[in-house]
Amino acid sequence: MSISKKIRRVTTRSIHEMYTAGEKISCLTAYDYTMARLLDQAGVDILLVGDSLSNVIQGHETTLPVTLEEMIYHTKAVVRGVHRAMVITDLPFMSYQNTVEEAFRNAGKVMKTTGAGGVKLEGGEKCAEVIHKISIEGIPVMGHIGLLPQSIHQYGGYQPRGTTDEEAERILKDARAIQD
């Protein structure tokens, strides 16, 4: 029997066990109780409450307008809908970019008020110090590299990333910077 079938509640430890065993790990996005309930019942391992709710739910052109408070609201609804899946929530634009202390405080607020199992943030090497601080204090962090919607204006659109040798090397460097 696979590890994922034995898991009563998905945690960082069980994800690591699944990874080590070579099992597939599923992750889908949910923004509300009903979708979370359905995905959890279907056996999805990780539910991401993405800042993409700015586009999908709120109708904005980018992910930038969504606030920390809105992410907390949607994460609470998703957490109430799950029994097994681990819930990860995005830290929205400007909730972790100013200072390491502010990033840690906001990640802590999300964890304390929502019941999420971890946070996700965009950026590699430039966010390594923030990721390190948050994770050594006991908050699981999922890094997001490559196509970075919060940096959409810097790149001028949602074009593929890593298509040149230089971009591919940058993505690998970012991955190495945040892997631990």
N, C-alpha and C. Protein backbone atom coordinates (compact mmCIF):
# COMPACT_ATOMS: atom_id res chain seq x y z
N MET A 1 0.85 -1.18 0.00
CA MET A 1 0.00 0.00 0.00
C MET A 1 0.89 1.24 0.00
N SER A 2 0.51 2.22 -0.80
CA SER A 2 1.31 3.44 -0.90
C SER A 2 1.21 4.25 0.39
N ILE A 3 2.23 5.05 0.61
CA ILE A 3 2.26 5.92 1.79
C ILE A 3 1.08 6.87 1.79
N SER A 4 0.76 7.43 0.61
CA SER A 4 -0.32 8.42 0.54
C SER A 4 -1.67 7.83 0.95
N LYS A 5 -1.89 6.55 0.73
CA LYS A 5 -3.16 5.92 1.12
C LYS A 5 -3.26 5.71 2.63
N LYS A 6 -2.12 5.64 3.32
CA LYS A 6 -2.10 5.42 4.76
C LYS A 6 -2.23 6.72 5.56
N ILE A 7 -1.98 7.85 4.91
CA ILE A 7 -1.92 9.14 5.61
C ILE A 7 -3.31 9.59 6.02
N ARG A 8 -3.44 9.91 7.30
CA ARG A 8 -4.69 10.45 7.81
C ARG A 8 -4.74 11.97 7.64
N ARG A 9 -3.60 12.61 7.82
CA ARG A 9 -3.48 14.06 7.66
C ARG A 9 -2.13 14.33 7.00
N VAL A 10 -2.12 15.02 5.87
CA VAL A 10 -0.88 15.29 5.16
C VAL A 10 -0.10 16.37 5.91
N THR A 11 1.18 16.08 6.14
CA THR A 11 2.09 17.00 6.83
C THR A 11 3.37 17.11 6.02
N THR A 12 4.25 17.99 6.44
CA THR A 12 5.54 18.09 5.75
C THR A 12 6.29 16.77 5.84
N ARG A 13 6.15 16.09 6.95
CA ARG A 13 6.82 14.80 7.11
C ARG A 13 6.28 13.76 6.13
N SER A 14 4.96 13.68 6.01
CA SER A 14 4.39 12.70 5.09
C SER A 14 4.70 13.05 3.63
N ILE A 15 4.78 14.34 3.32
CA ILE A 15 5.17 14.74 1.97
C ILE A 15 6.59 14.27 1.69
N HIS A 16 7.47 14.45 2.65
CA HIS A 16 8.86 14.00 2.48
C HIS A 16 8.91 12.48 2.31
N GLU A 17 8.12 11.75 3.08
CA GLU A 17 8.07 10.29 2.95
C GLU A 17 7.57 9.88 1.57
N MET A 18 6.55 10.56 1.08
CA MET A 18 6.03 10.26 -0.26
C MET A 18 7.09 10.55 -1.32
N TYR A 19 7.77 11.67 -1.18
CA TYR A 19 8.82 12.04 -2.13
C TYR A 19 9.94 11.00 -2.12
N THR A 20 10.39 10.62 -0.93
CA THR A 20 11.46 9.64 -0.79
C THR A 20 11.07 8.30 -1.39
N ALA A 21 9.80 7.93 -1.26
CA ALA A 21 9.31 6.67 -1.81
C ALA A 21 9.03 6.74 -3.31
N GLY A 22 9.21 7.91 -3.90
CA GLY A 22 8.97 8.07 -5.33
C GLY A 22 7.51 8.17 -5.70
N GLU A 23 6.66 8.47 -4.73
CA GLU A 23 5.23 8.59 -5.00
C GLU A 23 4.90 9.97 -5.55
N LYS A 24 3.86 10.03 -6.34
CA LYS A 24 3.39 11.30 -6.86
C LYS A 24 2.71 12.08 -5.74
N ILE A 25 2.92 13.37 -5.76
CA ILE A 25 2.31 14.27 -4.77
C ILE A 25 1.43 15.24 -5.55
N SER A 26 0.15 15.27 -5.20
CA SER A 26 -0.78 16.14 -5.93
C SER A 26 -0.99 17.45 -5.19
N CYS A 27 -1.11 18.52 -5.96
CA CYS A 27 -1.35 19.85 -5.40
C CYS A 27 -2.26 20.61 -6.36
N LEU A 28 -3.39 21.06 -5.86
CA LEU A 28 -4.33 21.85 -6.66
C LEU A 28 -4.74 23.09 -5.88
N THR A 29 -5.31 24.04 -6.58
CA THR A 29 -5.71 25.30 -5.97
C THR A 29 -7.17 25.26 -5.54
N ALA A 30 -7.43 25.84 -4.37
CA ALA A 30 -8.80 25.99 -3.87
C ALA A 30 -8.91 27.37 -3.24
N TYR A 31 -10.08 27.97 -3.39
CA TYR A 31 -10.30 29.30 -2.83
C TYR A 31 -11.44 29.34 -1.82
N ASP A 32 -12.20 28.23 -1.70
CA ASP A 32 -13.36 28.25 -0.81
C ASP A 32 -13.62 26.88 -0.20
N TYR A 33 -14.56 26.83 0.72
CA TYR A 33 -14.90 25.62 1.46
C TYR A 33 -15.34 24.49 0.53
N THR A 34 -16.25 24.78 -0.39
CA THR A 34 -16.82 23.74 -1.24
C THR A 34 -15.75 23.08 -2.12
N MET A 35 -14.94 23.88 -2.78
CA MET A 35 -13.89 23.32 -3.63
C MET A 35 -12.88 22.54 -2.78
N ALA A 36 -12.54 23.07 -1.61
CA ALA A 36 -11.61 22.37 -0.72
C ALA A 36 -12.17 21.02 -0.32
N ARG A 37 -13.43 20.98 0.02
CA ARG A 37 -14.08 19.74 0.44
C ARG A 37 -14.03 18.69 -0.68
N LEU A 38 -14.37 19.12 -1.88
CA LEU A 38 -14.37 18.20 -3.03
C LEU A 38 -12.97 17.68 -3.34
N LEU A 39 -11.99 18.57 -3.35
CA LEU A 39 -10.62 18.16 -3.65
C LEU A 39 -10.05 17.27 -2.55
N ASP A 40 -10.38 17.57 -1.31
CA ASP A 40 -9.93 16.75 -0.19
C ASP A 40 -10.53 15.34 -0.29
N GLN A 41 -11.82 15.27 -0.58
CA GLN A 41 -12.48 13.97 -0.71
C GLN A 41 -11.93 13.18 -1.90
N ALA A 42 -11.42 13.88 -2.90
CA ALA A 42 -10.83 13.22 -4.07
C ALA A 42 -9.40 12.73 -3.79
N GLY A 43 -8.86 13.08 -2.62
CA GLY A 43 -7.54 12.60 -2.25
C GLY A 43 -6.37 13.48 -2.63
N VAL A 44 -6.64 14.73 -2.99
CA VAL A 44 -5.54 15.65 -3.30
C VAL A 44 -4.71 15.87 -2.04
N ASP A 45 -3.40 15.81 -2.19
CA ASP A 45 -2.50 15.88 -1.03
C ASP A 45 -2.32 17.29 -0.47
N ILE A 46 -2.16 18.27 -1.35
CA ILE A 46 -1.91 19.65 -0.93
C ILE A 46 -2.91 20.55 -1.64
N LEU A 47 -3.51 21.46 -0.87
CA LEU A 47 -4.37 22.49 -1.46
C LEU A 47 -3.67 23.83 -1.28
N LEU A 48 -3.51 24.55 -2.37
CA LEU A 48 -2.90 25.87 -2.35
C LEU A 48 -3.99 26.92 -2.43
N VAL A 49 -3.99 27.82 -1.47
CA VAL A 49 -4.84 29.00 -1.56
C VAL A 49 -3.96 30.06 -2.22
N GLY A 50 -4.10 30.18 -3.52
CA GLY A 50 -3.20 31.03 -4.29
C GLY A 50 -3.63 32.47 -4.34
N ASP A 51 -2.63 33.35 -4.47
CA ASP A 51 -2.95 34.77 -4.65
C ASP A 51 -3.62 34.99 -6.00
N SER A 52 -3.67 33.94 -6.81
CA SER A 52 -4.41 33.99 -8.07
C SER A 52 -5.90 34.20 -7.84
N LEU A 53 -6.35 34.11 -6.59
CA LEU A 53 -7.75 34.44 -6.31
C LEU A 53 -8.03 35.89 -6.69
N SER A 54 -6.99 36.70 -6.75
CA SER A 54 -7.14 38.08 -7.22
C SER A 54 -7.69 38.10 -8.64
N ASN A 55 -7.23 37.17 -9.48
CA ASN A 55 -7.71 37.07 -10.86
C ASN A 55 -9.02 36.29 -10.93
N VAL A 56 -8.99 35.08 -10.38
CA VAL A 56 -10.07 34.11 -10.57
C VAL A 56 -11.35 34.48 -9.82
N ILE A 57 -11.21 34.94 -8.59
CA ILE A 57 -12.37 35.25 -7.75
C ILE A 57 -12.73 36.73 -7.79
N GLN A 58 -11.72 37.60 -7.72
CA GLN A 58 -11.97 39.03 -7.62
C GLN A 58 -12.01 39.75 -8.97
N GLY A 59 -11.54 39.11 -10.03
CA GLY A 59 -11.61 39.70 -11.36
C GLY A 59 -10.53 40.70 -11.72
N HIS A 60 -9.45 40.75 -10.96
CA HIS A 60 -8.35 41.66 -11.28
C HIS A 60 -7.50 41.08 -12.41
N GLU A 61 -6.75 41.95 -13.07
CA GLU A 61 -5.88 41.51 -14.16
C GLU A 61 -4.61 40.83 -13.66
N THR A 62 -4.19 41.16 -12.43
CA THR A 62 -2.96 40.59 -11.87
C THR A 62 -3.24 40.08 -10.46
N THR A 63 -2.22 39.46 -9.88
CA THR A 63 -2.33 38.98 -8.49
C THR A 63 -2.00 40.08 -7.49
N LEU A 64 -1.53 41.21 -7.95
CA LEU A 64 -1.02 42.24 -7.05
C LEU A 64 -2.04 42.83 -6.07
N PRO A 65 -3.30 43.05 -6.44
CA PRO A 65 -4.22 43.72 -5.52
C PRO A 65 -4.65 42.93 -4.28
N VAL A 66 -4.57 41.60 -4.30
CA VAL A 66 -5.08 40.82 -3.17
C VAL A 66 -4.28 41.15 -1.90
N THR A 67 -4.99 41.24 -0.78
CA THR A 67 -4.36 41.63 0.48
C THR A 67 -4.12 40.42 1.38
N LEU A 68 -3.32 40.62 2.39
CA LEU A 68 -3.07 39.57 3.37
C LEU A 68 -4.37 39.17 4.06
N GLU A 69 -5.19 40.15 4.40
CA GLU A 69 -6.46 39.86 5.07
C GLU A 69 -7.38 39.02 4.19
N GLU A 70 -7.40 39.30 2.88
CA GLU A 70 -8.22 38.49 1.96
C GLU A 70 -7.67 37.07 1.85
N MET A 71 -6.36 36.93 1.83
CA MET A 71 -5.76 35.59 1.79
C MET A 71 -6.12 34.81 3.06
N ILE A 72 -6.10 35.49 4.19
CA ILE A 72 -6.46 34.84 5.46
C ILE A 72 -7.91 34.39 5.42
N TYR A 73 -8.80 35.25 4.95
CA TYR A 73 -10.23 34.91 4.86
C TYR A 73 -10.44 33.65 4.03
N HIS A 74 -9.85 33.61 2.84
CA HIS A 74 -10.04 32.45 1.96
C HIS A 74 -9.35 31.20 2.51
N THR A 75 -8.22 31.38 3.15
CA THR A 75 -7.52 30.22 3.73
C THR A 75 -8.34 29.60 4.84
N LYS A 76 -8.97 30.42 5.68
CA LYS A 76 -9.83 29.88 6.74
C LYS A 76 -10.94 29.03 6.15
N ALA A 77 -11.55 29.49 5.07
CA ALA A 77 -12.63 28.73 4.43
C ALA A 77 -12.12 27.40 3.89
N VAL A 78 -10.95 27.43 3.25
CA VAL A 78 -10.38 26.20 2.70
C VAL A 78 -10.03 25.23 3.81
N VAL A 79 -9.40 25.71 4.87
CA VAL A 79 -9.02 24.84 5.99
C VAL A 79 -10.25 24.15 6.59
N ARG A 80 -11.36 24.87 6.68
CA ARG A 80 -12.59 24.26 7.22
C ARG A 80 -13.11 23.14 6.34
N GLY A 81 -12.73 23.14 5.06
CA GLY A 81 -13.21 22.13 4.12
C GLY A 81 -12.38 20.87 4.03
N VAL A 82 -11.25 20.81 4.73
CA VAL A 82 -10.38 19.64 4.58
C VAL A 82 -10.27 18.82 5.86
N HIS A 83 -10.04 17.53 5.66
CA HIS A 83 -9.76 16.62 6.77
C HIS A 83 -8.38 15.99 6.60
N ARG A 84 -7.93 15.84 5.36
CA ARG A 84 -6.68 15.14 5.08
C ARG A 84 -5.61 16.03 4.45
N ALA A 85 -5.97 16.83 3.49
CA ALA A 85 -5.00 17.61 2.72
C ALA A 85 -4.28 18.64 3.57
N MET A 86 -3.05 18.93 3.18
CA MET A 86 -2.30 20.03 3.78
C MET A 86 -2.67 21.29 3.01
N VAL A 87 -2.91 22.38 3.73
CA VAL A 87 -3.26 23.64 3.09
C VAL A 87 -2.06 24.59 3.17
N ILE A 88 -1.69 25.11 2.02
CA ILE A 88 -0.61 26.09 1.91
C ILE A 88 -1.24 27.38 1.39
N THR A 89 -0.85 28.51 1.95
CA THR A 89 -1.40 29.78 1.47
C THR A 89 -0.30 30.70 0.97
N ASP A 90 -0.61 31.40 -0.11
CA ASP A 90 0.32 32.37 -0.67
C ASP A 90 0.45 33.58 0.25
N LEU A 91 1.65 34.05 0.41
CA LEU A 91 1.85 35.37 1.00
C LEU A 91 1.75 36.35 -0.17
N PRO A 92 0.81 37.30 -0.10
CA PRO A 92 0.59 38.18 -1.25
C PRO A 92 1.68 39.24 -1.41
N PHE A 93 1.63 39.90 -2.54
CA PHE A 93 2.57 40.95 -2.89
C PHE A 93 2.69 41.98 -1.77
N MET A 94 3.91 42.32 -1.44
CA MET A 94 4.30 43.30 -0.43
C MET A 94 4.02 42.86 1.01
N SER A 95 3.75 41.58 1.23
CA SER A 95 3.59 41.09 2.60
C SER A 95 4.87 40.46 3.13
N TYR A 96 5.88 40.31 2.26
CA TYR A 96 7.14 39.71 2.68
C TYR A 96 8.37 40.36 2.05
N GLN A 97 8.18 41.36 1.21
CA GLN A 97 9.30 41.94 0.49
C GLN A 97 10.03 43.06 1.24
N ASN A 98 9.39 43.70 2.22
CA ASN A 98 10.02 44.86 2.86
C ASN A 98 11.16 44.49 3.80
N THR A 99 10.87 43.68 4.80
CA THR A 99 11.89 43.27 5.76
C THR A 99 11.68 41.81 6.15
N VAL A 100 12.73 41.19 6.62
CA VAL A 100 12.65 39.81 7.10
C VAL A 100 11.67 39.73 8.27
N GLU A 101 11.72 40.72 9.15
CA GLU A 101 10.85 40.72 10.33
C GLU A 101 9.38 40.82 9.93
N GLU A 102 9.07 41.69 8.97
CA GLU A 102 7.69 41.83 8.51
C GLU A 102 7.22 40.53 7.85
N ALA A 103 8.07 39.93 7.07
CA ALA A 103 7.73 38.66 6.42
C ALA A 103 7.41 37.59 7.46
N PHE A 104 8.26 37.49 8.47
CA PHE A 104 8.04 36.50 9.53
C PHE A 104 6.75 36.79 10.29
N ARG A 105 6.51 38.05 10.60
CA ARG A 105 5.29 38.43 11.32
C ARG A 105 4.05 38.07 10.50
N ASN A 106 4.07 38.36 9.20
CA ASN A 106 2.92 38.04 8.36
C ASN A 106 2.73 36.54 8.17
N ALA A 107 3.81 35.81 8.01
CA ALA A 107 3.71 34.35 7.91
C ALA A 107 3.15 33.78 9.20
N GLY A 108 3.62 34.30 10.33
CA GLY A 108 3.11 33.85 11.63
C GLY A 108 1.64 34.16 11.80
N LYS A 109 1.22 35.32 11.35
CA LYS A 109 -0.20 35.69 11.43
C LYS A 109 -1.06 34.73 10.62
N VAL A 110 -0.61 34.39 9.43
CA VAL A 110 -1.34 33.44 8.59
C VAL A 110 -1.46 32.10 9.30
N MET A 111 -0.35 31.61 9.82
CA MET A 111 -0.36 30.30 10.48
C MET A 111 -1.23 30.30 11.72
N LYS A 112 -1.13 31.35 12.51
CA LYS A 112 -1.86 31.43 13.78
C LYS A 112 -3.37 31.56 13.57
N THR A 113 -3.77 32.31 12.56
CA THR A 113 -5.20 32.61 12.40
C THR A 113 -5.96 31.70 11.45
N THR A 114 -5.25 30.91 10.64
CA THR A 114 -5.95 30.14 9.61
C THR A 114 -5.96 28.63 9.79
N GLY A 115 -4.95 28.10 10.43
CA GLY A 115 -4.82 26.65 10.50
C GLY A 115 -4.11 26.06 9.30
N ALA A 116 -3.54 26.92 8.45
CA ALA A 116 -2.79 26.44 7.29
C ALA A 116 -1.58 25.64 7.74
N GLY A 117 -1.08 24.80 6.85
CA GLY A 117 0.09 23.98 7.15
C GLY A 117 1.39 24.60 6.69
N GLY A 118 1.33 25.74 6.01
CA GLY A 118 2.53 26.41 5.54
C GLY A 118 2.18 27.58 4.66
N VAL A 119 3.23 28.30 4.23
CA VAL A 119 3.05 29.45 3.36
C VAL A 119 3.87 29.26 2.09
N LYS A 120 3.48 29.98 1.05
CA LYS A 120 4.21 29.97 -0.21
C LYS A 120 4.58 31.40 -0.55
N LEU A 121 5.78 31.57 -1.08
CA LEU A 121 6.16 32.89 -1.53
C LEU A 121 7.01 32.80 -2.78
N GLU A 122 6.95 33.87 -3.56
CA GLU A 122 7.66 33.93 -4.83
C GLU A 122 9.07 34.46 -4.65
N GLY A 123 9.98 33.90 -5.39
CA GLY A 123 11.34 34.42 -5.42
C GLY A 123 12.34 33.38 -4.98
N GLY A 124 13.51 33.45 -5.53
CA GLY A 124 14.56 32.50 -5.19
C GLY A 124 15.63 33.13 -4.33
N GLU A 125 16.76 33.39 -4.96
CA GLU A 125 17.93 33.90 -4.24
C GLU A 125 17.61 35.18 -3.46
N LYS A 126 16.83 36.07 -4.03
CA LYS A 126 16.54 37.33 -3.36
C LYS A 126 15.67 37.15 -2.11
N CYS A 127 14.98 36.02 -1.99
CA CYS A 127 14.12 35.75 -0.83
C CYS A 127 14.70 34.69 0.10
N ALA A 128 15.91 34.26 -0.16
CA ALA A 128 16.49 33.16 0.62
C ALA A 128 16.56 33.48 2.11
N GLU A 129 16.92 34.71 2.46
CA GLU A 129 17.01 35.09 3.87
C GLU A 129 15.63 35.05 4.54
N VAL A 130 14.63 35.53 3.84
CA VAL A 130 13.25 35.51 4.35
C VAL A 130 12.79 34.07 4.55
N ILE A 131 13.01 33.23 3.56
CA ILE A 131 12.60 31.82 3.64
C ILE A 131 13.31 31.13 4.79
N HIS A 132 14.59 31.39 4.94
CA HIS A 132 15.36 30.78 6.03
C HIS A 132 14.79 31.18 7.39
N LYS A 133 14.54 32.46 7.60
CA LYS A 133 14.01 32.94 8.88
C LYS A 133 12.65 32.30 9.18
N ILE A 134 11.77 32.31 8.21
CA ILE A 134 10.43 31.75 8.43
C ILE A 134 10.52 30.27 8.74
N SER A 135 11.33 29.54 7.99
CA SER A 135 11.39 28.09 8.18
C SER A 135 12.12 27.69 9.46
N ILE A 136 13.18 28.40 9.85
CA ILE A 136 13.86 28.01 11.10
C ILE A 136 13.00 28.29 12.32
N GLU A 137 12.01 29.15 12.16
CA GLU A 137 11.08 29.43 13.26
C GLU A 137 9.91 28.46 13.27
N GLY A 138 9.94 27.46 12.38
CA GLY A 138 8.95 26.39 12.43
C GLY A 138 7.80 26.48 11.46
N ILE A 139 7.85 27.41 10.53
CA ILE A 139 6.77 27.55 9.56
C ILE A 139 7.24 26.94 8.23
N PRO A 140 6.56 25.90 7.75
CA PRO A 140 6.92 25.33 6.45
C PRO A 140 6.73 26.35 5.32
N VAL A 141 7.69 26.39 4.41
CA VAL A 141 7.66 27.33 3.29
C VAL A 141 7.77 26.58 1.97
N MET A 142 6.88 26.92 1.05
CA MET A 142 6.96 26.42 -0.32
C MET A 142 7.47 27.56 -1.17
N GLY A 143 8.58 27.36 -1.83
CA GLY A 143 9.13 28.39 -2.71
C GLY A 143 8.50 28.32 -4.09
N HIS A 144 8.47 29.44 -4.76
CA HIS A 144 7.91 29.54 -6.11
C HIS A 144 8.93 30.29 -6.96
N ILE A 145 9.48 29.60 -7.95
CA ILE A 145 10.48 30.21 -8.83
C ILE A 145 10.03 30.10 -10.28
N GLY A 146 10.76 30.76 -11.17
CA GLY A 146 10.41 30.72 -12.59
C GLY A 146 9.47 31.85 -12.95
N LEU A 147 8.29 31.51 -13.43
CA LEU A 147 7.28 32.51 -13.77
C LEU A 147 6.71 33.07 -12.47
N LEU A 148 6.93 34.35 -12.23
CA LEU A 148 6.55 34.97 -10.96
C LEU A 148 5.47 36.03 -11.20
N PRO A 149 4.20 35.67 -10.99
CA PRO A 149 3.11 36.62 -11.26
C PRO A 149 3.21 37.93 -10.48
N GLN A 150 3.81 37.91 -9.28
CA GLN A 150 3.93 39.15 -8.52
C GLN A 150 4.96 40.11 -9.14
N SER A 151 5.75 39.61 -10.07
CA SER A 151 6.75 40.44 -10.77
C SER A 151 6.34 40.68 -12.23
N ILE A 152 5.07 40.57 -12.50
CA ILE A 152 4.56 40.62 -13.86
C ILE A 152 4.95 41.90 -14.60
N HIS A 153 4.94 43.02 -13.89
CA HIS A 153 5.27 44.29 -14.55
C HIS A 153 6.76 44.37 -14.90
N GLN A 154 7.58 43.72 -14.14
CA GLN A 154 9.02 43.69 -14.41
C GLN A 154 9.30 42.94 -15.71
N TYR A 155 8.53 41.88 -15.98
CA TYR A 155 8.75 41.04 -17.15
C TYR A 155 7.87 41.41 -18.34
N GLY A 156 6.85 42.22 -18.11
CA GLY A 156 5.99 42.66 -19.20
C GLY A 156 4.97 41.65 -19.67
N GLY A 157 4.67 40.67 -18.85
CA GLY A 157 3.64 39.71 -19.22
C GLY A 157 3.94 38.32 -18.70
N TYR A 158 3.07 37.39 -19.06
CA TYR A 158 3.16 36.01 -18.58
C TYR A 158 3.85 35.10 -19.60
N GLN A 159 4.99 35.53 -20.12
CA GLN A 159 5.72 34.69 -21.06
C GLN A 159 6.45 33.57 -20.32
N PRO A 160 6.71 32.47 -21.02
CA PRO A 160 7.46 31.37 -20.40
C PRO A 160 8.83 31.83 -19.92
N ARG A 161 9.30 31.24 -18.84
CA ARG A 161 10.62 31.54 -18.28
C ARG A 161 11.51 30.31 -18.45
N GLY A 162 12.80 30.54 -18.51
CA GLY A 162 13.76 29.45 -18.63
C GLY A 162 13.97 28.98 -20.05
N THR A 163 13.58 29.77 -21.01
CA THR A 163 13.69 29.35 -22.41
C THR A 163 15.09 29.59 -22.98
N THR A 164 15.88 30.43 -22.33
CA THR A 164 17.27 30.64 -22.75
C THR A 164 18.18 29.98 -21.71
N ASP A 165 19.41 29.74 -22.11
CA ASP A 165 20.38 29.14 -21.17
C ASP A 165 20.56 30.04 -19.94
N GLU A 166 20.61 31.34 -20.17
CA GLU A 166 20.79 32.29 -19.06
C GLU A 166 19.61 32.24 -18.08
N GLU A 167 18.38 32.24 -18.60
CA GLU A 167 17.20 32.15 -17.74
C GLU A 167 17.14 30.81 -17.01
N ALA A 168 17.45 29.75 -17.71
CA ALA A 168 17.43 28.42 -17.09
C ALA A 168 18.44 28.35 -15.95
N GLU A 169 19.61 28.91 -16.15
CA GLU A 169 20.63 28.93 -15.09
C GLU A 169 20.17 29.76 -13.90
N ARG A 170 19.48 30.87 -14.15
CA ARG A 170 18.95 31.72 -13.08
C ARG A 170 17.93 30.94 -12.26
N ILE A 171 17.06 30.20 -12.91
CA ILE A 171 16.05 29.40 -12.21
C ILE A 171 16.71 28.32 -11.36
N LEU A 172 17.71 27.65 -11.90
CA LEU A 172 18.45 26.64 -11.12
C LEU A 172 19.15 27.27 -9.91
N LYS A 173 19.73 28.43 -10.12
CA LYS A 173 20.40 29.14 -9.02
C LYS A 173 19.38 29.51 -7.94
N ASP A 174 18.21 29.97 -8.35
CA ASP A 174 17.15 30.30 -7.40
C ASP A 174 16.71 29.06 -6.62
N ALA A 175 16.56 27.94 -7.33
CA ALA A 175 16.15 26.69 -6.67
C ALA A 175 17.16 26.26 -5.62
N ARG A 176 18.42 26.33 -5.98
CA ARG A 176 19.47 25.94 -5.02
C ARG A 176 19.50 26.86 -3.81
N ALA A 177 19.22 28.13 -4.02
CA ALA A 177 19.27 29.11 -2.92
C ALA A 177 18.20 28.87 -1.87
N ILE A 178 17.07 28.27 -2.27
CA ILE A 178 15.96 28.10 -1.33
C ILE A 178 15.63 26.65 -1.00
N GLN A 179 16.41 25.71 -1.50
CA GLN A 179 16.05 24.30 -1.35
C GLN A 179 16.07 23.79 0.08
N ASP A 180 16.87 24.32 0.93
CA ASP A 180 16.92 23.83 2.31
C ASP A 180 15.96 24.60 3.16
